[in-house]
Protein backbone atom coordinates (compact mmCIF):
# COMPACT_ATOMS: atom_id res chain seq x y z
CA MET A 1 0.29 0.12 0.46
CA LYS A 2 1.89 3.51 -1.33
CA ASP A 3 1.93 5.99 1.64
CA ASN A 4 1.42 8.72 -0.21
CA THR A 5 -2.44 8.17 -1.77
CA LYS A 6 -5.81 10.60 -1.28
CA ASN A 7 -6.27 7.64 0.87
CA ASN A 8 -3.86 6.71 3.94
CA GLN A 9 -3.14 10.47 3.37
CA LEU A 10 -6.51 11.12 5.18
CA ARG A 11 -6.55 8.53 7.07
CA GLY A 12 -3.26 9.37 8.78
CA ILE A 13 -5.24 12.40 10.13
CA TYR A 14 -7.99 10.81 10.76
CA ASP A 15 -5.70 8.97 13.27
CA ASP A 16 -4.54 12.55 15.01
CA VAL A 17 -7.82 14.51 15.62
CA MET A 18 -10.09 11.20 15.81
CA LEU A 19 -11.31 9.67 18.98
CA PRO A 20 -9.77 6.15 19.17
CA ASN A 21 -13.29 4.82 20.09
CA TYR A 22 -13.91 3.59 16.70
CA SER A 23 -11.35 1.35 13.46
CA PRO A 24 -13.10 2.48 10.25
CA ALA A 25 -11.75 1.53 7.28
CA HIS A 26 -7.78 2.05 4.95
CA PHE A 27 -10.43 4.10 2.57
CA ILE A 28 -12.11 7.36 2.14
CA PRO A 29 -14.94 8.14 0.55
CA GLU A 30 -14.76 9.70 -1.94
CA LYS A 31 -19.01 9.68 -3.74
CA ALA A 32 -21.36 6.53 -4.02
CA GLU A 33 -24.36 5.84 -6.01
CA GLY A 34 -26.55 3.04 -5.30
CA SER A 35 -25.06 0.09 -3.61
CA ARG A 36 -21.59 1.57 -4.58
CA ILE A 37 -18.50 3.76 -3.38
CA TRP A 38 -15.84 5.56 -5.07
CA ASP A 39 -12.63 6.30 -1.66
CA LYS A 40 -10.30 9.22 -2.49
CA ASP A 41 -8.23 6.73 -5.29
CA ASN A 42 -11.47 6.05 -7.23
CA LYS A 43 -10.90 2.15 -6.55
CA GLU A 44 -15.34 1.27 -6.43
CA TYR A 45 -16.42 -0.87 -3.43
CA ILE A 46 -20.40 -3.23 -3.64
CA ASP A 47 -21.40 -1.85 -0.38
CA PHE A 48 -23.19 -4.97 0.98
CA GLY A 49 -23.07 -2.93 5.34
CA GLY A 50 -25.60 -0.10 3.89
CA GLY A 51 -24.55 2.38 7.04
CA ILE A 52 -25.34 -0.28 9.01
CA ALA A 53 -29.08 -0.58 8.03
CA VAL A 54 -29.24 3.50 7.63
CA ASN A 55 -28.83 4.16 3.30
CA SER A 56 -32.62 2.19 2.91
CA LEU A 57 -32.61 3.31 -0.45
CA GLY A 58 -28.46 3.18 -1.51
CA HIS A 59 -26.58 6.46 -1.54
CA SER A 60 -27.22 9.64 -3.52
CA HIS A 61 -31.34 8.16 -4.31
CA PRO A 62 -32.69 10.89 -7.10
CA ALA A 63 -36.36 11.43 -4.68
CA LEU A 64 -34.08 12.19 -1.55
CA ILE A 65 -30.88 14.66 -3.42
CA SER A 66 -34.62 16.41 -4.06
CA ALA A 67 -36.96 17.31 -1.67
CA LEU A 68 -33.27 17.82 0.39
CA THR A 69 -32.98 20.19 -2.01
CA GLU A 70 -35.76 22.20 -2.05
CA GLN A 71 -36.25 22.52 1.17
CA SER A 72 -32.88 23.79 2.20
CA LYS A 73 -33.87 26.87 -0.14
CA LYS A 74 -36.80 27.12 2.72
CA PHE A 75 -35.12 26.48 6.01
CA TRP A 76 -33.05 25.05 8.06
CA HIS A 77 -33.85 24.10 11.30
CA VAL A 78 -36.22 26.48 13.21
CA SER A 79 -36.15 24.57 16.77
CA ASN A 80 -39.96 23.40 19.12
CA TYR A 81 -40.80 26.87 19.97
CA LEU A 82 -41.92 25.99 16.12
CA THR A 83 -42.65 23.74 14.53
CA ASN A 84 -42.57 22.26 10.52
CA GLU A 85 -45.15 21.53 7.69
CA PRO A 86 -42.03 17.95 7.30
CA ALA A 87 -42.44 17.18 10.54
CA ILE A 88 -46.56 17.86 10.87
CA ASN A 89 -46.77 15.65 7.37
CA LEU A 90 -44.36 12.62 8.31
CA ALA A 91 -45.40 12.21 11.97
CA LYS A 92 -49.46 11.68 9.91
CA LYS A 93 -47.90 9.31 7.69
CA LEU A 94 -46.83 7.25 10.28
CA THR A 95 -49.65 7.28 11.89
CA ASP A 96 -51.87 6.54 9.18
CA LEU A 97 -50.28 3.66 8.82
CA THR A 98 -48.94 2.59 12.13
CA PHE A 99 -50.77 2.59 15.65
CA ALA A 100 -49.30 4.50 15.82
CA GLU A 101 -51.24 7.91 17.30
CA ASN A 102 -48.69 10.35 18.28
CA ILE A 103 -44.85 10.82 17.24
CA PHE A 104 -41.77 12.09 19.18
CA PHE A 105 -39.40 13.21 16.85
CA SER A 106 -35.26 12.67 18.02
CA ASN A 107 -32.12 12.55 16.26
CA SER A 108 -30.78 9.36 16.17
CA GLY A 109 -32.09 5.29 17.83
CA THR A 110 -30.50 5.73 20.99
CA GLU A 111 -32.55 8.91 22.08
CA ALA A 112 -35.48 7.51 20.17
CA ASN A 113 -34.62 4.69 23.37
CA GLU A 114 -34.64 7.19 26.07
CA ALA A 115 -37.81 8.57 25.10
CA ALA A 116 -39.55 5.14 25.20
CA ILE A 117 -38.76 5.11 28.55
CA LYS A 118 -38.62 8.74 29.98
CA ILE A 119 -42.04 7.60 27.91
CA ALA A 120 -43.07 4.32 29.76
CA ARG A 121 -41.80 5.71 33.83
CA LYS A 122 -44.36 8.74 33.26
CA PHE A 123 -47.22 7.09 31.79
CA HIS A 124 -47.60 5.36 35.37
CA SER A 125 -46.33 8.06 37.47
CA ALA A 126 -48.99 9.82 35.46
CA ASN A 127 -52.06 7.17 36.66
CA GLY A 128 -50.77 6.76 40.10
CA GLN A 129 -48.40 4.34 39.26
CA LYS A 130 -44.39 3.84 41.05
CA ARG A 131 -43.22 1.00 38.48
CA GLY A 132 -39.45 1.87 38.24
CA GLU A 133 -38.29 -1.03 37.20
CA ILE A 134 -37.87 -1.58 33.14
CA VAL A 135 -37.62 -5.12 31.65
CA SER A 136 -34.87 -6.60 29.21
CA PHE A 137 -32.95 -9.38 27.41
CA LYS A 138 -29.32 -10.61 26.57
CA ASN A 139 -27.32 -9.75 24.00
CA SER A 140 -29.73 -7.02 23.20
CA PHE A 141 -28.68 -3.67 21.96
CA HIS A 142 -30.81 -0.30 21.99
CA GLY A 143 -27.96 1.66 22.13
CA ARG A 144 -25.07 3.95 23.36
CA SER A 145 -26.45 6.18 26.20
CA LEU A 146 -25.79 4.93 30.06
CA LEU A 147 -29.58 3.77 29.36
CA ASN A 148 -29.26 1.75 26.81
CA ILE A 149 -25.83 0.42 27.69
CA SER A 150 -27.59 0.03 30.64
CA LEU A 151 -30.53 -1.79 28.40
CA GLY A 152 -28.24 -3.60 26.62
CA SER A 153 -26.13 -6.41 28.09
CA SER A 154 -22.33 -6.60 27.02
CA ASP A 155 -19.67 -6.11 29.34
CA MET A 156 -17.42 -4.74 26.02
CA HIS A 157 -19.84 -2.14 26.18
CA ARG A 158 -20.61 -1.46 29.62
CA GLU A 159 -16.87 -1.95 30.85
CA GLY A 160 -15.30 1.63 32.66
CA PHE A 161 -18.90 3.01 32.46
CA GLU A 162 -20.18 1.94 35.43
CA PRO A 163 -22.87 3.20 37.99
CA LEU A 164 -24.98 1.45 35.48
CA MET A 165 -28.85 2.51 35.48
CA SER A 166 -30.27 0.49 38.39
CA GLY A 167 -34.33 -0.82 38.03
CA ILE A 168 -33.41 -2.84 34.53
CA LYS A 169 -33.49 -6.64 34.81
CA HIS A 170 -32.97 -9.06 31.59
CA GLY A 171 -34.63 -12.53 30.43
CA ASN A 172 -33.64 -14.46 28.08
CA PHE A 173 -34.78 -13.67 24.39
CA ASN A 174 -37.26 -16.36 22.35
CA ASP A 175 -37.51 -18.31 26.54
CA VAL A 176 -41.72 -17.75 26.67
CA ALA A 177 -41.84 -20.09 29.38
CA GLY A 178 -39.52 -17.20 31.60
CA LEU A 179 -41.55 -14.72 30.28
CA GLY A 180 -44.54 -15.33 33.24
CA ASP A 181 -42.13 -14.28 36.70
CA LEU A 182 -39.67 -11.51 34.18
CA ILE A 183 -42.57 -9.55 33.71
CA THR A 184 -43.81 -8.10 37.67
CA ASP A 185 -46.41 -5.10 38.53
CA GLN A 186 -43.43 -3.83 39.57
CA THR A 187 -42.50 -3.27 35.78
CA ALA A 188 -42.77 0.00 33.31
CA ALA A 189 -42.39 -2.10 30.51
CA VAL A 190 -40.77 -4.76 28.80
CA ILE A 191 -38.36 -3.18 25.82
CA VAL A 192 -37.65 -5.80 22.92
CA GLU A 193 -35.76 -6.20 19.08
CA PRO A 194 -37.75 -8.26 17.15
CA VAL A 195 -35.06 -8.93 15.27
CA GLN A 196 -31.68 -8.72 17.26
CA GLY A 197 -28.61 -7.21 14.58
CA GLU A 198 -26.45 -6.43 16.89
CA ALA A 199 -25.82 -10.49 18.36
CA GLY A 200 -26.29 -12.14 14.83
CA VAL A 201 -29.59 -11.31 13.83
CA TYR A 202 -31.63 -13.64 14.95
CA THR A 203 -34.68 -13.59 14.95
CA ALA A 204 -38.33 -13.60 17.57
CA SER A 205 -40.47 -16.68 17.71
CA LYS A 206 -43.86 -15.46 16.50
CA GLU A 207 -44.85 -17.14 20.44
CA PHE A 208 -42.38 -14.90 22.32
CA ILE A 209 -43.80 -11.70 21.27
CA LYS A 210 -47.63 -13.08 21.18
CA LYS A 211 -46.82 -14.67 25.25
CA LEU A 212 -44.60 -11.73 25.59
CA ARG A 213 -47.58 -9.22 24.81
CA GLU A 214 -50.15 -11.04 26.49
CA GLU A 215 -48.15 -10.70 29.53
CA SER A 216 -47.30 -6.70 30.07
CA SER A 217 -50.63 -6.62 29.42
CA LYS A 218 -51.60 -9.06 32.00
CA LYS A 219 -49.71 -7.28 34.28
CA GLY A 220 -49.95 -3.87 33.71
CA ALA A 221 -46.37 -2.95 31.93
CA LEU A 222 -46.16 -1.45 28.34
CA LEU A 223 -44.90 -3.43 26.18
CA ILE A 224 -41.55 -0.93 23.48
CA ILE A 225 -40.69 -2.48 20.01
CA ASP A 226 -37.24 -1.75 19.02
CA GLU A 227 -37.23 -1.51 16.06
CA VAL A 228 -34.51 1.41 15.35
CA GLN A 229 -31.90 -1.68 13.25
CA SER A 230 -35.17 -3.51 12.23
CA GLY A 231 -38.09 -0.76 11.21
CA VAL A 232 -39.31 1.07 7.86
CA GLY A 233 -38.78 -2.08 5.57
CA ARG A 234 -35.67 -4.10 6.99
CA THR A 235 -37.15 -6.94 6.82
CA GLY A 236 -39.67 -6.56 4.08
CA ASN A 237 -42.56 -5.55 6.68
CA LEU A 238 -42.71 -1.39 7.20
CA TYR A 239 -42.23 -2.08 10.98
CA SER A 240 -41.50 -5.96 11.86
CA TYR A 241 -44.17 -5.73 14.82
CA MET A 242 -47.22 -6.01 11.81
CA ASP A 243 -45.10 -10.13 11.57
CA TYR A 244 -46.91 -10.86 14.90
CA ASP A 245 -50.20 -9.87 15.09
CA ILE A 246 -50.00 -7.79 18.11
CA GLU A 247 -49.83 -4.36 19.25
CA PRO A 248 -47.30 -2.52 20.77
CA ASP A 249 -47.52 -0.10 23.16
CA ILE A 250 -44.19 2.42 22.11
CA VAL A 251 -42.57 1.30 18.58
CA THR A 252 -39.11 3.49 18.32
CA SER A 253 -37.74 4.11 14.87
CA ALA A 254 -34.03 5.67 12.96
CA LYS A 255 -31.69 4.52 10.97
CA GLY A 256 -33.00 4.00 7.22
CA LEU A 257 -36.13 6.34 8.16
CA GLY A 258 -33.69 8.72 7.12
CA GLY A 259 -31.89 7.91 4.31
CA GLY A 260 -28.54 8.60 5.51
CA ILE A 261 -29.99 11.28 6.86
CA PRO A 262 -30.22 11.79 11.19
CA ILE A 263 -33.69 11.57 12.68
CA GLY A 264 -35.50 8.92 15.40
CA ALA A 265 -38.61 8.36 16.01
CA THR A 266 -41.20 7.31 18.99
CA LEU A 267 -44.14 6.23 18.14
CA THR A 268 -47.33 5.78 20.50
CA THR A 269 -51.77 6.19 21.26
CA LYS A 270 -52.69 8.93 22.06
CA SER A 271 -53.80 7.79 26.25
CA ILE A 272 -50.14 6.98 26.43
CA GLY A 273 -48.83 10.05 24.97
CA GLN A 274 -50.82 12.23 27.08
CA ASN A 275 -48.61 12.84 29.80
CA MET A 276 -45.87 14.63 28.28
CA GLN A 277 -47.06 18.07 28.40
CA PRO A 278 -44.78 20.57 27.65
CA GLY A 279 -41.50 20.31 29.23
CA THR A 280 -41.72 17.67 29.79
CA HIS A 281 -39.01 16.43 27.33
CA GLY A 282 -37.28 17.84 24.17
CA SER A 283 -34.79 17.48 21.72
CA THR A 284 -32.86 21.13 20.31
CA PHE A 285 -32.66 19.05 16.80
CA GLY A 286 -36.05 17.22 17.02
CA GLY A 287 -38.27 17.40 13.68
CA ASN A 288 -35.65 18.59 11.91
CA PRO A 289 -37.15 19.69 8.44
CA MET A 290 -34.41 18.82 6.35
CA ALA A 291 -34.37 15.33 7.98
CA CYS A 292 -38.00 15.19 8.07
CA ALA A 293 -38.57 16.38 4.62
CA VAL A 294 -36.24 13.08 3.39
CA ALA A 295 -38.12 11.06 5.82
CA ASN A 296 -41.23 11.93 3.97
CA GLU A 297 -39.84 10.28 0.43
CA VAL A 298 -38.20 7.31 2.19
CA ILE A 299 -42.11 6.66 3.96
CA ASP A 300 -43.69 7.27 0.87
CA ILE A 301 -41.62 4.73 -1.79
CA ILE A 302 -40.39 1.88 1.25
CA SER A 303 -43.87 1.85 2.32
CA ASN A 304 -45.59 0.56 -1.17
CA GLN A 305 -46.75 -3.04 -0.92
CA LYS A 306 -44.44 -3.57 -3.98
CA PHE A 307 -40.80 -2.40 -2.46
CA LEU A 308 -41.88 -3.89 0.14
CA ASP A 309 -42.29 -7.10 -1.54
CA GLY A 310 -39.37 -6.84 -3.33
CA VAL A 311 -37.29 -6.88 -0.16
CA LYS A 312 -38.46 -10.39 0.44
CA GLU A 313 -37.37 -11.93 -3.07
CA LYS A 314 -34.04 -10.10 -2.81
CA GLU A 315 -33.57 -12.12 0.52
CA SER A 316 -34.18 -14.77 -1.86
CA ILE A 317 -31.42 -13.95 -3.66
CA PHE A 318 -28.89 -13.82 -1.09
CA LEU A 319 -29.50 -16.87 0.45
CA ASN A 320 -29.97 -18.47 -3.01
CA LEU A 321 -26.30 -17.58 -3.33
CA LEU A 322 -25.47 -17.79 0.25
CA SER A 323 -25.82 -21.95 0.14
CA GLU A 324 -22.74 -22.57 -1.75
CA PHE A 325 -20.66 -21.57 1.98
CA LYS A 326 -22.02 -24.03 3.99
CA VAL A 327 -22.81 -26.58 2.12
CA ASN A 328 -18.19 -25.86 1.88
CA LYS A 329 -18.23 -25.31 4.88
CA VAL A 330 -17.06 -21.60 5.59
CA PHE A 331 -20.62 -20.99 6.69
CA SER A 332 -21.93 -22.76 9.95
CA ALA A 333 -25.17 -20.92 10.23
CA VAL A 334 -26.34 -17.75 7.32
CA ARG A 335 -29.80 -16.42 9.39
CA SER A 336 -32.66 -13.49 7.62
CA SER A 337 -34.44 -11.51 8.57
CA GLY A 338 -35.95 -9.13 5.65
CA LEU A 339 -31.78 -8.25 4.12
CA TRP A 340 -30.64 -8.30 7.38
CA ILE A 341 -27.81 -11.78 6.76
CA GLY A 342 -25.89 -12.52 9.37
CA CYS A 343 -23.22 -15.93 8.36
CA ASP A 344 -21.37 -17.73 11.24
CA LEU A 345 -18.10 -17.96 9.77
CA ILE A 346 -16.76 -21.62 10.65
CA GLU A 347 -12.71 -21.01 10.72
CA ARG A 348 -12.24 -17.56 10.07
CA SER A 349 -12.72 -13.98 12.21
CA ALA A 350 -15.17 -11.36 11.13
CA ASN A 351 -12.50 -8.58 10.59
CA ASP A 352 -10.22 -10.45 8.60
CA VAL A 353 -12.82 -10.81 6.26
CA LEU A 354 -13.86 -7.26 6.72
CA ASN A 355 -10.38 -6.10 5.58
CA GLN A 356 -9.89 -8.68 2.87
CA ALA A 357 -13.38 -7.92 1.21
CA TYR A 358 -11.96 -4.21 1.29
CA GLY A 359 -9.76 -4.73 -0.74
CA GLU A 360 -11.59 -6.73 -2.93
CA GLY A 361 -13.62 -4.09 -3.54
CA LEU A 362 -16.44 -4.71 -1.11
CA ILE A 363 -17.93 -3.67 2.24
CA LEU A 364 -19.63 -6.09 4.61
CA VAL A 365 -19.87 -5.93 8.97
CA SER A 366 -20.00 -7.55 11.41
CA ALA A 367 -22.30 -9.49 14.68
CA GLY A 368 -19.45 -10.07 17.32
CA SER A 369 -16.40 -11.65 16.54
CA ASN A 370 -17.10 -14.37 14.25
CA CYS A 371 -20.36 -13.19 12.09
CA LEU A 372 -20.34 -11.08 8.93
CA ARG A 373 -23.68 -9.24 9.08
CA LEU A 374 -25.68 -7.98 5.79
CA ALA A 375 -27.92 -5.16 5.62
CA PRO A 376 -27.25 -3.41 2.11
CA ALA A 377 -29.94 -0.68 -0.15
CA LEU A 378 -33.08 -2.02 0.01
CA ASN A 379 -33.23 -1.99 -3.90
CA ILE A 380 -29.53 -2.98 -3.89
CA SER A 381 -30.03 -4.21 -8.17
CA ASN A 382 -29.83 -7.98 -8.86
CA GLU A 383 -26.41 -7.61 -10.63
CA GLU A 384 -24.80 -5.38 -7.56
CA ILE A 385 -26.09 -9.02 -5.06
CA GLU A 386 -24.10 -11.34 -7.57
CA GLN A 387 -21.28 -8.80 -7.98
CA GLY A 388 -20.87 -8.46 -4.46
CA ILE A 389 -21.48 -11.85 -3.99
CA LYS A 390 -19.02 -13.34 -5.86
CA ILE A 391 -16.39 -10.94 -4.75
CA LEU A 392 -16.99 -12.86 -1.41
CA LYS A 393 -16.39 -16.32 -3.38
CA LYS A 394 -13.35 -15.22 -4.01
CA ILE A 395 -12.20 -14.41 -0.53
CA LEU A 396 -13.65 -17.21 1.04
CA LEU A 397 -14.37 -19.87 -1.06
CA GLU A 398 -10.68 -19.87 -3.46
CA ARG A 399 -7.74 -19.53 -1.22
């Protein structure tokens, strides 16, 4: 690798000036379109990572560029002392398309989950109940704030940040039998991911989610579905809860909602949301008109049933192509939920494969030390799928 490349020059500056909490690739993106990225040295990559399930419509989608450009010529920010039409329109779309009646906008999944827990505790407080307990699940991931690493159970995410938030307990994901004892009359809310993405793409069983709904209702606890990664078409449904024939109390959304523009949303009902009166919660940038203008376009495109059916079709293409890796004993398992795929490596480490993939022009992400995670754009072309898998074969099958 030549030391004087544009990539290496910028990467060297990065190491000098940035907090070392990330370990990014050696190259620096210059431009991107659809599911392709070009770096500073004009090398081309197929993007199977999708910004970790964020670039739901790929890079530089013309409808999103148009929405962003149009709003940028009007105004960029007004704070929550004023509202704005893009935020109102987006909230209306989300309430029309889901169970929800009230929406709170923020800037990320972490913030959306923070708001969800506050809404749940405020609901019980307003109804004269002192419930502080929150139930979460082992191997879950809900964000990086102190609350959210407390909701999660990763030692790596928690170490050195103690003391963590109190009042949180963890059950076993997909353990139906344990829910009756786990959820009590002191439980304010249960928060669950329908698909545990950071754990390696493990999907909640229908029996588990239905029992969660049943036990939460029986004990008077609110059910929060964390759809920060699974929402907005990722699994082939607009939101994953829709595949379980249940109605949640609160849903959190982010990542793919903005198609690459930072935005978070917390969805709930009026009977729960009515307790959040002025001053109880807020966000300086939440409901930003530019972010909401883009998210409006994202929802318009992805909520189309033909588009959602296409996600399932592309999932089948991926699974068919990836089956060869299992036959050749490269992967021990392949799990999927729409265009969200986890592949367990038998011998090699995920980081080793990621770095070699960069060299061959393919972007992947990982989940833990031995799981490759694919979360491409929901509109990735069949040709790009085949091209990316061809590169993956070169790395893993043709050594």
